Every structure is written in structure tokens, then in C-alpha cells.
Amino acid sequence: MKIIIFLACLFSVSISANMRRCMLLPVRDSIGGALGFKVFEDVEEFLKESGWCYYTSNSEILNILSSYKKNLDSILENPEVLKIISEKTKTGSLIKVEIQNQVKGVDLSVKVLGDNGEDVYFQEKIRLDSDDSKVISQTVKNWLSIYEKQIPYDGKVIGVLGNQFSINVGTNRSLFPGNQLVIIRPVRKKRHPLLKEVIDWETEKIGEAKVIHSSERQSQANVVRYSTRKKLKIGDWVISDRPTEEVVEQNKFIDKDEYKFGKLGEVSLLLNLGKGSATFEETSTNKIGGTVLGVELRSTLWITRNYWVGLDISRIVGSLSQEEGTLVNESNSMSNSLFRLKLGYKYLPMGFFYGPQVDAYVGYASYSYGLDTSLRDGFVETKFAGILMGVKASIPLQKVIRAYIELSFLFAPSYSDEVTNMKADSARNYTLEVGGSYIYAPNISFDLGYGVNSSKASFIDPIQSISPKISTFKLGSTFTF
């Protein structure tokens, strides 16, 4: 009866929920709440002191639900209950933290749910080797810092009088008199095709405005111009567009527009410049080498924050000449192609997506080394293909610089050529690459690396081997979308 009365009271409240009003739901664990309570206290204190979230205490909700402790997990899984809690507390970001204790460490997951109790704005999970409450709390804080940057607006319109309107944020969000604002209206939500997580919003621009007064948690602004015939209304979003120099100095690292990216994946376009070579060994050694040039396209689609698929293709051409041995043809040309299809898992040691990363992947790859046929010199067009296995580690060195190293190889690769159709008795291939990225903008980075792709096929009858190799510097850009 008590819960029915509670729900009835909650239904009497109706507001436009603000994602910058947040509430931390009870942190549940599998050992009776001892660990969850410590994490709750630490994360709650963090939210109270944060600048992006106006924290709403859940004490009133907990008092009413206190007699339902045994069923609290199932009650808080009910979207209708969550929706009512959001309406009662005027909260647009409901934060759920779950801890499952394991033999060593814990499984930690975080979800941020919208005001309807169903929309997932953000979610992460990880296996931690430690059950220390401070380690768990810091991981949750890191994730919430990422979520903050994904909120698509700085404030919302809460009152309209002609061309003047009120905003529900002020100096706490670095809104000062003179700030230029953009007013946009959400049209519909965009969800991840697999996870159904809300990853973006389709919006339309209503107009531009200028802040005329600010207090700590509220601002007033005037519309400068409209972009359509539509007038602004309560609930429209406000984004700080071109802050004054004074505001930029105070808030130079805050720009929410910068984080409207990173939802689905990334694509890289690289220029390759370096050396190509091929070595044929029998009774003597013949080797050719020279400068090669080409382009490489890499694409990655994030299935989740941890799982991804990737496709790499490249084309490299060059002119080679004699470097060792006695050759019939002292010059040759090279036309190489690369194809890699990968399925990977991204491990985040700190639970922070933009922190250290370790990627392990498997897939299929083929490397074709196109050479002009010269049987007397031992050179033909060759191809190595097979199961691809690899690992890549990257780490931020500074705020805008990351370094990485990647090693991959073909497991028991097949070998073929276009002329002799000889079957290799053994074959191998490996690729090693090191480099770094300069983050020019949140969705654009400039990349520089050095990579080596080496293959070798050996034969017993007759005893001979052929070893093509490509070593190139890679310069290009990565675009995150």
C-alpha cells in the first residue's frame, strides 16, 4: 500500500528533465552492501563537488523504499519506477553502479539512464583485479567524467518572455555576460544499431543569443537572430558558442561541442614512404631494393566500448634495382597490396577509454608482393595469407600526444605465386609498427609511425627461399566519427 501511495504522489510532478541534474542510485554489491556503501559515499561526494552535475540526493527515495530492501534490485530495474523517480527528483541522469564480487577482484558496471528509465546514455563495464573501494570509486569517477563530455548541451531554456529567456545554468557552467550562445532543439534520438544506446541527437538550430546576466546557477539572455521561423520554447538546448576572451581564459579546456564525436568508430588515411626489397636465396643471394610509395586506409567500427571490428587496405608501388648478387634483370618494379579484416577486444587498464589501451585481435589477412617475373633471378609475384593475430598497446604521454606499438603475425600462412605454383615447405610473416598521434582536435589527430612488414617462404627441393619486405614511414590523419 505504501509503495502505491508513493507512486501516486510521484505522478503528480511533471518537468523537463535535465541531464545535468544527476542522482546516484543505491550501489549494489553481492556481499550485503558493505562494499557498495563505501563506493556510494565516495562517488556521491565527487558528484556533489562536480561542476557539471547538480546533484540530487536520493535520501527521500530511499526512505520510502527502505521497507523493500529485499526487492530493491528488481524494483530499480523497472523502467516505470525509474521514470517516476526521475520525475520526483527532477533528475535527467540516473546513475546505476553494480558490483559483483569474484574470487579475485570484482566485475564493475555503470549505466546512466535517462528520465524515461529506459534510454541508456552511457554504459561501461570492466573486470578489476582489486576489491578496494577506492580503486572501484576512481574507476566510476573516470567513467562519469567521460559521460560529462557527452552531454550535448550546456543548459536548457526554463523561461521565455518575448526574445528574452532564462537558462538553468550560470557561472557554474562558465556562462558570463557577453557570451555568445546557440539555441538548438532536439528532434529525435539516435541509438546504436546493436546496443540501442543513445549515442547522439538529431537537432535543428533555432537561433543565436547573447548572455546579459548571470548568477551562479541561472542566466538570462536575449535572442540576437533566429535561424528559422520557429520561436524558442521551454526545453530548448543552449550551447556556449563563442565565449569572450575572458571566459576562454577561465574555461579554456571546456568545449562541449568538441565531444559530439566518438560514437561509432574511426578512419585513418596514411601516406606510406620508405623502402621495399626482395631477396632470393639458393646457391647464391640475389637482392633488389628501392623506394616505394603508397596509401593506406584503416577503419574501425566500435561494436561496444570494448569490442570492435576493423578493415585495413593499402596499395604500395615502387621501382627496385640490384643491391646484391648477379642479376639478369638489374631493375624491377614492385606493386604491393594489403588486406586485413580484424575482430578485436580493447582492454582498458584504468577503466578510462582515453587512458592506456591494450587491443588484442584475430582475423584474416593477405599480403601480395607484386614483382615483375624474372625466373632466372628468382623473383615472381607472391602472396602470403592466413589467420591474423595481433596486439596493440597505446598510452597517453601528454594531454594531446599518444604513443603506440603494434605487433601482428600470420599463423601458419599459405604461400602462392603466379608463375611456378610451387608450395612452400614453410612460410612466415610478421608486422611491427611504432608511432604516435598528435590530437589536433577531439575528432582529428595527426599520425606518424614507422612500420615493417616482412615475409619469407622456404623450400626444401630445391633448397631456396624468397623474402619480400616493406619498411615505411606512415604519415596521415585519423578522423573519429
Protein backbone atom coordinates (compact mmCIF):
# COMPACT_ATOMS: atom_id res chain seq x y z
CA MET A 1 0.00 0.00 0.00
CA LYS A 2 2.83 2.38 0.91
CA ILE A 3 4.55 1.95 -2.46
CA ILE A 4 1.25 2.63 -4.29
CA ILE A 5 0.79 5.90 -2.38
CA PHE A 6 4.41 6.80 -3.15
CA LEU A 7 3.96 6.22 -6.86
CA ALA A 8 0.73 8.18 -6.92
CA CYS A 9 2.47 11.17 -5.34
CA LEU A 10 5.29 10.98 -7.81
CA PHE A 11 2.94 11.05 -10.80
CA SER A 12 1.77 14.49 -9.75
CA VAL A 13 5.13 16.04 -10.73
CA SER A 14 5.99 16.74 -14.37
CA ILE A 15 9.10 18.56 -15.57
CA SER A 16 11.53 18.69 -18.43
CA ALA A 17 14.40 16.55 -17.18
CA ASN A 18 17.91 17.95 -17.30
CA MET A 19 20.84 15.64 -17.96
CA ARG A 20 22.93 17.98 -15.84
CA ARG A 21 20.81 17.08 -12.81
CA CYS A 22 22.03 13.69 -11.65
CA MET A 23 21.28 11.19 -8.93
CA LEU A 24 23.26 8.19 -7.77
CA LEU A 25 21.05 5.18 -7.19
CA PRO A 26 21.97 2.74 -4.40
CA VAL A 27 25.20 0.94 -5.27
CA ARG A 28 24.50 -2.77 -5.18
CA ASP A 29 27.07 -5.46 -4.47
CA SER A 30 26.93 -9.21 -3.87
CA ILE A 31 28.16 -9.15 -0.25
CA GLY A 32 25.32 -7.43 1.53
CA GLY A 33 26.11 -3.83 0.70
CA ALA A 34 29.30 -3.32 2.74
CA LEU A 35 31.44 -2.54 -0.32
CA GLY A 36 28.66 -0.78 -2.18
CA PHE A 37 28.07 1.68 0.64
CA LYS A 38 31.73 2.78 0.68
CA VAL A 39 31.70 3.28 -3.08
CA PHE A 40 28.40 5.15 -2.86
CA GLU A 41 29.78 7.62 -0.29
CA ASP A 42 32.92 8.32 -2.31
CA VAL A 43 31.14 8.76 -5.66
CA GLU A 44 28.35 10.83 -4.10
CA GLU A 45 30.91 13.26 -2.65
CA PHE A 46 32.55 13.51 -6.07
CA LEU A 47 29.21 14.36 -7.71
CA LYS A 48 28.34 16.96 -5.07
CA GLU A 49 31.61 18.78 -5.77
CA SER A 50 31.48 18.44 -9.56
CA GLY A 51 30.74 21.45 -11.75
CA TRP A 52 28.81 19.63 -14.47
CA CYS A 53 26.18 17.91 -12.34
CA TYR A 54 23.66 19.46 -9.97
CA TYR A 55 23.46 16.53 -7.57
CA THR A 56 20.10 15.41 -6.21
CA SER A 57 20.13 13.37 -3.02
CA ASN A 58 18.26 10.09 -3.14
CA SER A 59 17.54 10.08 0.61
CA GLU A 60 13.83 10.78 0.15
CA ILE A 61 13.50 7.92 -2.32
CA LEU A 62 15.46 5.55 -0.07
CA ASN A 63 13.34 6.38 2.96
CA ILE A 64 10.18 5.38 1.11
CA LEU A 65 11.78 2.26 -0.40
CA SER A 66 13.52 1.22 2.83
CA SER A 67 10.97 -1.49 3.54
CA TYR A 68 11.66 -3.03 0.12
CA LYS A 69 15.36 -3.76 0.60
CA LYS A 70 14.95 -7.42 -0.31
CA ASN A 71 13.34 -6.49 -3.62
CA LEU A 72 15.24 -3.27 -4.22
CA ASP A 73 17.26 -4.72 -7.10
CA SER A 74 14.17 -5.76 -9.05
CA ILE A 75 12.33 -2.53 -8.19
CA LEU A 76 15.20 -0.41 -9.53
CA GLU A 77 15.26 -2.48 -12.73
CA ASN A 78 11.70 -1.42 -13.50
CA PRO A 79 11.73 1.42 -16.09
CA GLU A 80 8.42 2.77 -14.77
CA VAL A 81 9.82 3.09 -11.25
CA LEU A 82 12.95 4.79 -12.58
CA LYS A 83 10.83 7.16 -14.64
CA ILE A 84 8.84 8.11 -11.57
CA ILE A 85 11.99 8.64 -9.52
CA SER A 86 13.32 10.93 -12.26
CA GLU A 87 10.10 12.95 -12.28
CA LYS A 88 10.02 13.22 -8.50
CA THR A 89 13.62 14.35 -8.20
CA LYS A 90 13.71 16.42 -11.43
CA THR A 91 16.71 14.33 -12.50
CA GLY A 92 17.74 13.59 -16.08
CA SER A 93 20.74 11.34 -15.35
CA LEU A 94 20.14 8.32 -13.14
CA ILE A 95 23.46 6.66 -12.30
CA LYS A 96 23.45 2.93 -11.58
CA VAL A 97 26.56 1.20 -10.24
CA GLU A 98 26.68 -2.57 -9.80
CA ILE A 99 29.48 -4.60 -8.21
CA GLN A 100 29.74 -8.37 -8.47
CA ASN A 101 32.42 -9.81 -6.20
CA GLN A 102 34.62 -12.52 -7.71
CA VAL A 103 37.26 -14.85 -6.26
CA LYS A 104 39.85 -12.19 -7.11
CA GLY A 105 38.57 -8.70 -7.73
CA VAL A 106 35.16 -7.56 -8.89
CA ASP A 107 33.04 -7.11 -12.00
CA LEU A 108 32.09 -3.44 -12.14
CA SER A 109 29.42 -1.88 -14.35
CA VAL A 110 27.99 1.63 -14.66
CA LYS A 111 24.91 2.80 -16.53
CA VAL A 112 23.50 6.29 -16.87
CA LEU A 113 19.78 6.17 -17.65
CA GLY A 114 17.52 8.89 -18.95
CA ASP A 115 14.39 10.35 -17.42
CA ASN A 116 12.15 7.69 -19.01
CA GLY A 117 14.02 4.90 -17.19
CA GLU A 118 14.86 3.16 -20.47
CA ASP A 119 17.24 5.30 -22.51
CA VAL A 120 20.86 4.34 -21.89
CA TYR A 121 23.01 7.44 -22.27
CA PHE A 122 26.23 5.78 -21.17
CA GLN A 123 27.42 2.34 -20.06
CA GLU A 124 30.71 0.69 -19.22
CA LYS A 125 31.86 -2.49 -17.52
CA ILE A 126 35.20 -3.97 -16.54
CA ARG A 127 36.81 -6.73 -14.51
CA LEU A 128 39.03 -5.23 -11.79
CA ASP A 129 41.68 -7.32 -10.06
CA SER A 130 41.15 -5.35 -6.84
CA ASP A 131 38.17 -5.10 -4.50
CA ASP A 132 39.49 -1.92 -2.89
CA SER A 133 36.64 0.58 -2.66
CA LYS A 134 38.93 3.48 -3.63
CA VAL A 135 40.01 1.73 -6.84
CA ILE A 136 36.38 0.97 -7.71
CA SER A 137 35.29 4.53 -6.91
CA GLN A 138 38.03 6.07 -9.04
CA THR A 139 37.05 3.89 -11.98
CA VAL A 140 33.44 5.06 -11.65
CA LYS A 141 34.61 8.70 -11.45
CA ASN A 142 36.68 8.27 -14.62
CA TRP A 143 33.65 6.94 -16.46
CA LEU A 144 31.41 9.76 -15.23
CA SER A 145 34.00 12.27 -16.45
CA ILE A 146 33.63 10.72 -19.91
CA TYR A 147 29.83 10.90 -19.66
CA GLU A 148 30.03 14.58 -18.76
CA LYS A 149 31.70 15.32 -22.09
CA GLN A 150 28.94 13.50 -23.97
CA ILE A 151 26.10 15.67 -22.65
CA PRO A 152 25.01 17.54 -25.80
CA TYR A 153 24.23 20.92 -24.23
CA ASP A 154 25.43 23.39 -21.61
CA GLY A 155 21.99 24.37 -20.37
CA LYS A 156 18.28 24.39 -21.10
CA VAL A 157 15.72 27.14 -21.56
CA ILE A 158 13.49 27.31 -18.48
CA GLY A 159 11.54 30.51 -19.15
CA VAL A 160 10.63 32.65 -22.17
CA LEU A 161 9.39 36.23 -22.33
CA GLY A 162 9.41 37.50 -25.90
CA ASN A 163 13.02 37.41 -27.10
CA GLN A 164 14.40 37.19 -23.60
CA PHE A 165 14.78 33.85 -21.88
CA SER A 166 16.22 32.18 -18.79
CA ILE A 167 18.74 29.33 -18.70
CA ASN A 168 19.13 26.82 -15.88
CA VAL A 169 22.90 27.29 -15.63
CA GLY A 170 25.13 30.25 -14.96
CA THR A 171 28.67 30.91 -13.86
CA ASN A 172 28.83 27.29 -12.64
CA ARG A 173 28.94 26.38 -16.36
CA SER A 174 31.12 29.38 -17.31
CA LEU A 175 28.26 31.44 -18.71
CA PHE A 176 29.07 35.12 -18.25
CA PRO A 177 27.56 38.34 -19.61
CA GLY A 178 28.66 38.73 -23.22
CA ASN A 179 28.80 35.03 -24.02
CA GLN A 180 27.50 34.11 -27.46
CA LEU A 181 25.00 31.23 -27.41
CA VAL A 182 23.48 28.85 -29.93
CA ILE A 183 19.93 27.66 -29.34
CA ILE A 184 19.08 24.23 -30.73
CA ARG A 185 16.07 21.96 -30.43
CA PRO A 186 16.27 18.17 -30.11
CA VAL A 187 14.27 16.44 -32.82
CA ARG A 188 14.94 12.77 -32.17
CA LYS A 189 17.38 10.42 -30.50
CA LYS A 190 19.91 8.33 -32.42
CA ARG A 191 20.61 4.89 -31.00
CA HIS A 192 23.49 2.49 -31.53
CA PRO A 193 22.30 -0.09 -34.08
CA LEU A 194 23.37 -3.01 -31.87
CA LEU A 195 23.31 -1.79 -28.26
CA LYS A 196 20.30 0.55 -28.54
CA GLU A 197 22.33 3.02 -26.50
CA VAL A 198 21.56 6.68 -27.18
CA ILE A 199 24.66 7.92 -28.96
CA ASP A 200 23.53 11.23 -30.42
CA TRP A 201 20.59 13.53 -31.04
CA GLU A 202 19.24 14.94 -34.28
CA THR A 203 18.78 18.66 -33.72
CA GLU A 204 17.77 21.82 -35.53
CA LYS A 205 19.20 25.28 -34.93
CA ILE A 206 16.65 27.79 -33.66
CA GLY A 207 18.83 30.85 -33.38
CA GLU A 208 21.64 32.70 -31.65
CA ALA A 209 21.64 34.68 -28.44
CA LYS A 210 23.80 36.68 -26.04
CA VAL A 211 24.01 36.38 -22.25
CA ILE A 212 23.00 39.61 -20.48
CA HIS A 213 23.11 38.48 -16.84
CA SER A 214 24.48 35.51 -14.88
CA SER A 215 24.23 34.24 -11.33
CA GLU A 216 25.80 31.03 -10.10
CA ARG A 217 23.07 28.68 -11.36
CA GLN A 218 20.95 30.78 -13.71
CA SER A 219 21.42 33.14 -16.64
CA GLN A 220 19.33 35.47 -18.76
CA ALA A 221 19.92 36.03 -22.47
CA ASN A 222 18.44 37.84 -25.46
CA VAL A 223 17.86 36.32 -28.87
CA VAL A 224 20.10 38.03 -31.43
CA ARG A 225 18.76 36.30 -34.53
CA TYR A 226 16.52 33.39 -35.47
CA SER A 227 17.59 30.70 -37.94
CA THR A 228 14.05 29.58 -38.76
CA ARG A 229 10.52 30.86 -38.33
CA LYS A 230 10.24 28.79 -35.17
CA LYS A 231 10.44 30.64 -31.88
CA LEU A 232 12.30 29.34 -28.88
CA LYS A 233 10.42 27.48 -26.17
CA ILE A 234 10.99 25.94 -22.77
CA GLY A 235 13.16 22.86 -23.05
CA ASP A 236 15.34 24.07 -25.94
CA TRP A 237 19.05 23.41 -25.56
CA VAL A 238 21.65 26.12 -25.15
CA ILE A 239 25.31 25.75 -26.12
CA SER A 240 28.03 28.27 -25.43
CA ASP A 241 29.31 29.11 -28.90
CA ARG A 242 31.98 31.83 -28.95
CA PRO A 243 32.98 32.81 -25.40
CA THR A 244 34.74 36.08 -24.76
CA GLU A 245 38.50 36.10 -24.28
CA GLU A 246 37.98 36.42 -20.55
CA VAL A 247 35.77 33.34 -20.48
CA VAL A 248 38.15 31.42 -22.71
CA GLU A 249 40.92 32.11 -20.20
CA GLN A 250 38.72 30.93 -17.34
CA ASN A 251 37.37 27.94 -19.17
CA LYS A 252 39.85 27.13 -21.93
CA PHE A 253 39.58 23.37 -21.55
CA ILE A 254 35.78 23.22 -21.68
CA ASP A 255 34.06 22.98 -25.04
CA LYS A 256 31.17 20.58 -25.17
CA ASP A 257 30.83 20.84 -28.95
CA GLU A 258 34.18 19.10 -29.17
CA TYR A 259 32.72 15.90 -27.79
CA LYS A 260 29.96 15.35 -30.33
CA PHE A 261 32.00 12.53 -31.82
CA GLY A 262 33.46 9.19 -30.94
CA LYS A 263 30.17 7.34 -31.19
CA LEU A 264 30.76 4.69 -33.85
CA GLY A 265 34.42 4.41 -34.85
CA GLU A 266 37.31 5.97 -36.67
CA VAL A 267 39.01 6.01 -40.05
CA SER A 268 42.66 6.73 -40.88
CA LEU A 269 44.24 7.76 -44.18
CA LEU A 270 48.02 7.33 -44.30
CA LEU A 271 50.76 8.07 -46.80
CA ASN A 272 53.50 5.40 -46.88
CA LEU A 273 57.05 6.26 -47.92
CA GLY A 274 60.06 4.02 -47.45
CA LYS A 275 61.94 1.07 -48.84
CA GLY A 276 60.84 -2.17 -50.46
CA SER A 277 63.06 -5.17 -51.09
CA ALA A 278 63.01 -8.80 -52.14
CA THR A 279 65.71 -11.41 -51.51
CA PHE A 280 66.07 -14.74 -53.30
CA GLU A 281 68.48 -17.30 -51.85
CA GLU A 282 69.58 -20.54 -53.48
CA THR A 283 73.23 -21.29 -54.14
CA SER A 284 73.79 -17.52 -54.00
CA THR A 285 71.87 -14.47 -52.85
CA ASN A 286 70.07 -12.08 -55.17
CA LYS A 287 68.57 -8.94 -53.68
CA ILE A 288 66.74 -5.96 -55.13
CA GLY A 289 65.53 -2.87 -53.33
CA GLY A 290 64.37 0.69 -53.79
CA THR A 291 62.00 3.46 -52.78
CA VAL A 292 58.29 2.71 -52.50
CA LEU A 293 55.28 4.99 -52.11
CA GLY A 294 51.66 4.25 -51.34
CA VAL A 295 48.46 4.95 -49.42
CA GLU A 296 46.76 3.04 -46.64
CA LEU A 297 43.19 3.19 -45.37
CA ARG A 298 42.30 1.90 -41.91
CA SER A 299 38.80 1.80 -40.48
CA THR A 300 37.45 0.68 -37.12
CA LEU A 301 33.84 0.25 -36.03
CA TRP A 302 33.18 0.09 -32.28
CA ILE A 303 30.60 -2.58 -31.53
CA THR A 304 30.87 -1.64 -27.84
CA ARG A 305 33.48 0.30 -25.89
CA ASN A 306 35.49 -2.92 -25.69
CA TYR A 307 34.71 -4.90 -28.85
CA TRP A 308 35.43 -3.65 -32.36
CA VAL A 309 35.89 -4.71 -35.97
CA GLY A 310 38.47 -3.28 -38.34
CA LEU A 311 39.36 -3.27 -42.02
CA ASP A 312 42.76 -2.20 -43.41
CA ILE A 313 43.67 -1.93 -47.09
CA SER A 314 46.70 -0.42 -48.79
CA ARG A 315 48.49 -0.14 -52.12
CA ILE A 316 52.23 0.49 -52.45
CA VAL A 317 54.28 0.83 -55.64
CA GLY A 318 57.94 1.39 -56.33
CA SER A 319 60.94 0.84 -58.58
CA LEU A 320 63.62 -1.59 -57.39
CA SER A 321 67.18 -2.12 -58.57
CA GLN A 322 70.00 -4.57 -57.94
CA GLU A 323 71.55 -4.45 -54.47
CA GLU A 324 73.28 -7.83 -54.18
CA GLY A 325 74.21 -10.75 -56.43
CA THR A 326 74.47 -11.09 -60.21
CA LEU A 327 71.13 -10.42 -61.89
CA VAL A 328 69.89 -10.91 -65.41
CA ASN A 329 67.47 -8.02 -64.93
CA GLU A 330 69.09 -5.31 -62.84
CA SER A 331 65.80 -3.44 -62.29
CA ASN A 332 62.33 -4.49 -61.27
CA SER A 333 59.09 -2.90 -60.18
CA MET A 334 57.02 -3.58 -57.08
CA SER A 335 53.26 -3.28 -56.66
CA ASN A 336 52.09 -4.48 -53.26
CA SER A 337 48.64 -4.73 -51.70
CA LEU A 338 47.46 -5.38 -48.17
CA PHE A 339 44.12 -6.60 -46.81
CA ARG A 340 43.30 -7.13 -43.13
CA LEU A 341 39.94 -7.91 -41.54
CA LYS A 342 40.05 -7.86 -37.73
CA LEU A 343 37.86 -8.56 -34.72
CA GLY A 344 39.32 -7.14 -31.54
CA TYR A 345 38.90 -6.62 -27.82
CA LYS A 346 40.03 -3.41 -26.13
CA TYR A 347 41.26 -3.74 -22.55
CA LEU A 348 41.26 -0.53 -20.50
CA PRO A 349 43.66 -0.97 -17.55
CA MET A 350 42.33 2.13 -15.79
CA GLY A 351 38.74 1.78 -16.96
CA PHE A 352 39.13 5.09 -18.81
CA PHE A 353 38.57 4.99 -22.57
CA TYR A 354 41.09 7.72 -23.32
CA GLY A 355 43.68 6.33 -20.92
CA PRO A 356 46.05 3.40 -21.58
CA GLN A 357 44.64 0.83 -24.02
CA VAL A 358 45.61 -2.70 -24.97
CA ASP A 359 43.96 -4.23 -28.06
CA ALA A 360 44.13 -7.92 -28.93
CA TYR A 361 42.67 -9.11 -32.21
CA VAL A 362 42.26 -12.01 -34.61
CA GLY A 363 41.13 -12.09 -38.21
CA TYR A 364 42.23 -12.73 -41.75
CA ALA A 365 44.99 -11.03 -43.73
CA SER A 366 46.65 -11.30 -47.11
CA TYR A 367 49.82 -9.61 -48.34
CA SER A 368 50.58 -9.56 -52.07
CA TYR A 369 54.06 -8.61 -53.28
CA GLY A 370 53.85 -7.84 -56.96
CA LEU A 371 57.21 -8.16 -58.76
CA ASP A 372 57.97 -8.37 -62.44
CA THR A 373 58.62 -12.03 -63.24
CA SER A 374 62.31 -12.87 -63.57
CA LEU A 375 62.69 -16.64 -63.10
CA ARG A 376 66.46 -16.66 -63.66
CA ASP A 377 66.83 -14.12 -60.84
CA GLY A 378 64.24 -15.91 -58.66
CA PHE A 379 61.66 -13.10 -58.48
CA VAL A 380 57.93 -13.63 -59.07
CA GLU A 381 54.72 -12.17 -57.74
CA THR A 382 53.96 -13.79 -54.37
CA LYS A 383 51.13 -13.82 -51.85
CA PHE A 384 51.03 -14.71 -48.15
CA ALA A 385 47.65 -15.19 -46.46
CA GLY A 386 46.15 -16.73 -43.35
CA ILE A 387 44.83 -16.24 -39.85
CA LEU A 388 45.90 -12.88 -38.42
CA MET A 389 46.75 -12.47 -34.73
CA GLY A 390 47.99 -9.27 -33.14
CA VAL A 391 48.24 -6.96 -30.17
CA LYS A 392 48.50 -3.17 -29.90
CA ALA A 393 49.27 -1.04 -26.86
CA SER A 394 48.86 2.73 -26.65
CA ILE A 395 49.32 5.22 -23.86
CA PRO A 396 48.81 8.98 -23.48
CA LEU A 397 52.11 10.78 -22.90
CA GLN A 398 50.59 14.25 -22.60
CA LYS A 399 47.16 15.78 -22.99
CA VAL A 400 47.42 15.79 -26.79
CA ILE A 401 50.02 13.11 -27.53
CA ARG A 402 49.68 9.32 -27.57
CA ALA A 403 52.29 6.68 -28.36
CA TYR A 404 51.66 3.16 -29.59
CA ILE A 405 53.33 -0.10 -30.57
CA GLU A 406 51.69 -2.90 -32.55
CA LEU A 407 52.82 -6.42 -33.42
CA SER A 408 50.94 -8.91 -35.59
CA PHE A 409 51.70 -12.11 -37.46
CA LEU A 410 50.08 -14.69 -39.71
CA PHE A 411 49.56 -18.07 -38.08
CA ALA A 412 50.83 -20.84 -40.44
CA PRO A 413 50.28 -18.67 -43.54
CA SER A 414 49.75 -20.05 -47.01
CA TYR A 415 52.11 -19.12 -49.84
CA SER A 416 51.40 -18.86 -53.54
CA ASP A 417 52.95 -17.31 -56.63
CA GLU A 418 51.59 -16.52 -60.08
CA VAL A 419 54.13 -18.50 -62.14
CA THR A 420 55.71 -21.62 -60.64
CA ASN A 421 52.81 -22.73 -58.40
CA MET A 422 55.39 -24.14 -56.01
CA LYS A 423 54.20 -24.97 -52.49
CA ALA A 424 56.37 -23.62 -49.70
CA ASP A 425 57.55 -26.07 -47.05
CA SER A 426 57.36 -23.27 -44.51
CA ALA A 427 56.20 -19.67 -44.53
CA ARG A 428 56.06 -16.82 -42.05
CA ASN A 429 55.01 -13.21 -41.82
CA TYR A 430 55.12 -10.51 -39.17
CA THR A 431 54.29 -6.80 -38.98
CA LEU A 432 55.75 -4.40 -36.42
CA GLU A 433 54.77 -0.75 -36.11
CA VAL A 434 55.61 2.03 -33.64
CA GLY A 435 54.46 5.61 -33.66
CA GLY A 436 52.44 8.37 -32.09
CA SER A 437 49.49 10.69 -32.58
CA TYR A 438 49.02 14.40 -32.03
CA ILE A 439 45.42 15.19 -31.10
CA TYR A 440 44.77 18.33 -33.14
CA ALA A 441 41.05 18.34 -32.29
CA PRO A 442 38.86 15.89 -30.36
CA ASN A 443 37.82 14.20 -33.62
CA ILE A 444 41.05 14.69 -35.62
CA SER A 445 44.58 13.50 -34.93
CA PHE A 446 47.78 13.62 -36.97
CA ASP A 447 49.68 10.33 -37.01
CA LEU A 448 53.31 9.44 -37.59
CA GLY A 449 54.67 5.91 -37.44
CA TYR A 450 57.23 3.50 -38.78
CA GLY A 451 56.26 0.01 -39.83
CA VAL A 452 57.93 -3.15 -41.08
CA ASN A 453 56.14 -5.92 -42.96
CA SER A 454 58.34 -8.97 -43.53
CA SER A 455 57.54 -12.32 -45.12
CA LYS A 456 59.54 -15.39 -46.02
CA ALA A 457 58.82 -18.65 -47.84
CA SER A 458 61.29 -21.56 -47.72
CA PHE A 459 61.56 -24.64 -49.97
CA ILE A 460 63.41 -27.92 -49.47
CA ASP A 461 63.53 -29.31 -53.02
CA PRO A 462 65.34 -27.38 -54.31
CA ILE A 463 66.70 -25.58 -51.23
CA GLN A 464 65.81 -21.95 -51.73
CA SER A 465 63.82 -19.10 -50.18
CA ILE A 466 62.24 -15.79 -51.12
CA SER A 467 61.86 -12.92 -48.66
CA PRO A 468 59.89 -9.77 -49.59
CA LYS A 469 59.97 -6.88 -47.11
CA ILE A 470 58.44 -3.41 -46.83
CA SER A 471 59.70 -0.75 -44.38
CA THR A 472 57.89 2.60 -44.50
CA PHE A 473 57.20 5.76 -42.59
CA LYS A 474 53.47 6.41 -42.24
CA LEU A 475 52.09 9.94 -42.13
CA GLY A 476 48.41 10.80 -42.08
CA SER A 477 45.30 11.64 -40.11
CA THR A 478 42.67 9.81 -38.10
CA PHE A 479 39.06 11.02 -38.10
CA THR A 480 36.73 9.89 -35.31
CA PHE A 481 33.01 9.74 -36.09
